[in-house]
Amino acid sequence: MTLNDVLERTTITPAKALGLADGSGTLTLGARADLAVLTVQRRPCRFMDAGGVMLDGNQMLANLLTVQNGKVVYNSNLLPCL
């Protein structure tokens, strides 16, 4: 799965499935300021799919910062305070 596929399937697709028409899952003007700043870590890793099957991978996304409703709710301390 490409990075773009992963991002789409974890942002706009769930927002649409939940019927959120308020701009959730997007970075549009007027939408709630909910976002995550991610980095790609290239290293061996294991994932579990929705069926409980373990999958081996060679890269993963790691969260650096989370903003909810415009406020920082998680900072990995790898980014300066906003």
Protein backbone atom coordinates (compact mmCIF):
# COMPACT_ATOMS: atom_id res chain seq x y z
CA MET A 1 0.00 0.00 0.00
CA THR A 2 1.40 3.42 -0.88
CA LEU A 3 1.78 6.22 1.65
CA ASN A 4 -0.99 8.15 -0.12
CA ASP A 5 -3.29 5.10 0.21
CA VAL A 6 -2.52 4.84 3.93
CA LEU A 7 -3.22 8.53 4.51
CA GLU A 8 -6.48 8.43 2.56
CA ARG A 9 -7.66 5.30 4.35
CA THR A 10 -6.94 6.80 7.76
CA THR A 11 -8.32 10.31 7.19
CA ILE A 12 -11.00 11.16 4.64
CA THR A 13 -12.32 7.60 4.16
CA PRO A 14 -13.28 7.07 7.85
CA ALA A 15 -14.70 10.61 8.05
CA LYS A 16 -16.96 9.88 5.08
CA ALA A 17 -17.93 6.47 6.49
CA LEU A 18 -18.97 8.16 9.74
CA GLY A 19 -20.98 10.74 7.82
CA LEU A 20 -18.88 13.65 9.05
CA ALA A 21 -19.60 16.48 6.63
CA ASP A 22 -17.84 19.12 8.73
CA GLY A 23 -14.53 18.81 6.90
CA SER A 24 -13.22 16.07 9.20
CA GLY A 25 -10.41 14.13 7.58
CA THR A 26 -9.33 17.12 5.48
CA LEU A 27 -7.21 20.23 5.80
CA THR A 28 -9.76 22.67 4.41
CA LEU A 29 -10.48 26.22 5.49
CA GLY A 30 -13.06 26.21 8.26
CA ALA A 31 -12.57 22.54 9.16
CA ARG A 32 -11.73 21.55 12.73
CA ALA A 33 -8.01 21.77 13.39
CA ASP A 34 -7.44 18.08 14.11
CA LEU A 35 -4.20 16.76 12.67
CA ALA A 36 -1.18 14.61 13.26
CA VAL A 37 2.38 15.31 12.18
CA LEU A 38 3.94 12.01 11.15
CA THR A 39 7.36 10.80 10.11
CA VAL A 40 8.30 7.72 8.12
CA GLN A 41 10.64 5.40 10.01
CA ARG A 42 12.43 2.93 7.76
CA ARG A 43 13.20 -0.17 9.79
CA PRO A 44 11.92 -3.72 10.14
CA CYS A 45 8.53 -3.78 11.87
CA ARG A 46 5.48 -6.00 12.39
CA PHE A 47 1.84 -5.08 11.98
CA MET A 48 -1.41 -6.82 12.81
CA ASP A 49 -4.21 -6.51 10.26
CA ALA A 50 -7.92 -6.29 11.11
CA GLY A 51 -8.15 -10.09 11.00
CA GLY A 52 -5.36 -10.57 13.53
CA VAL A 53 -2.80 -11.71 10.93
CA MET A 54 0.77 -10.53 11.56
CA LEU A 55 2.50 -8.85 8.62
CA ASP A 56 6.17 -7.92 8.26
CA GLY A 57 7.08 -4.49 6.93
CA ASN A 58 10.13 -2.31 6.40
CA GLN A 59 8.71 1.11 7.27
CA MET A 60 6.12 2.63 9.57
CA LEU A 61 4.57 5.97 10.43
CA ALA A 62 5.42 7.45 13.82
CA ASN A 63 3.48 10.30 15.40
CA LEU A 64 5.46 13.43 16.28
CA LEU A 65 2.62 15.80 17.16
CA THR A 66 -1.16 15.66 17.53
CA VAL A 67 -3.44 18.70 17.42
CA GLN A 68 -7.09 18.38 18.43
CA ASN A 69 -9.51 21.28 18.06
CA GLY A 70 -6.54 23.57 17.46
CA LYS A 71 -4.69 22.58 20.67
CA VAL A 72 -1.59 20.42 20.97
CA VAL A 73 -2.59 17.24 22.82
CA TYR A 74 0.58 15.21 22.12
CA ASN A 75 4.13 16.30 21.41
CA SER A 76 6.87 13.68 21.11
CA ASN A 77 9.34 16.37 22.21
CA LEU A 78 11.04 16.01 18.85
CA LEU A 79 9.30 19.17 17.67
CA PRO A 80 9.49 22.59 19.32
CA CYS A 81 6.43 23.66 21.30
CA LEU A 82 3.84 25.56 19.29
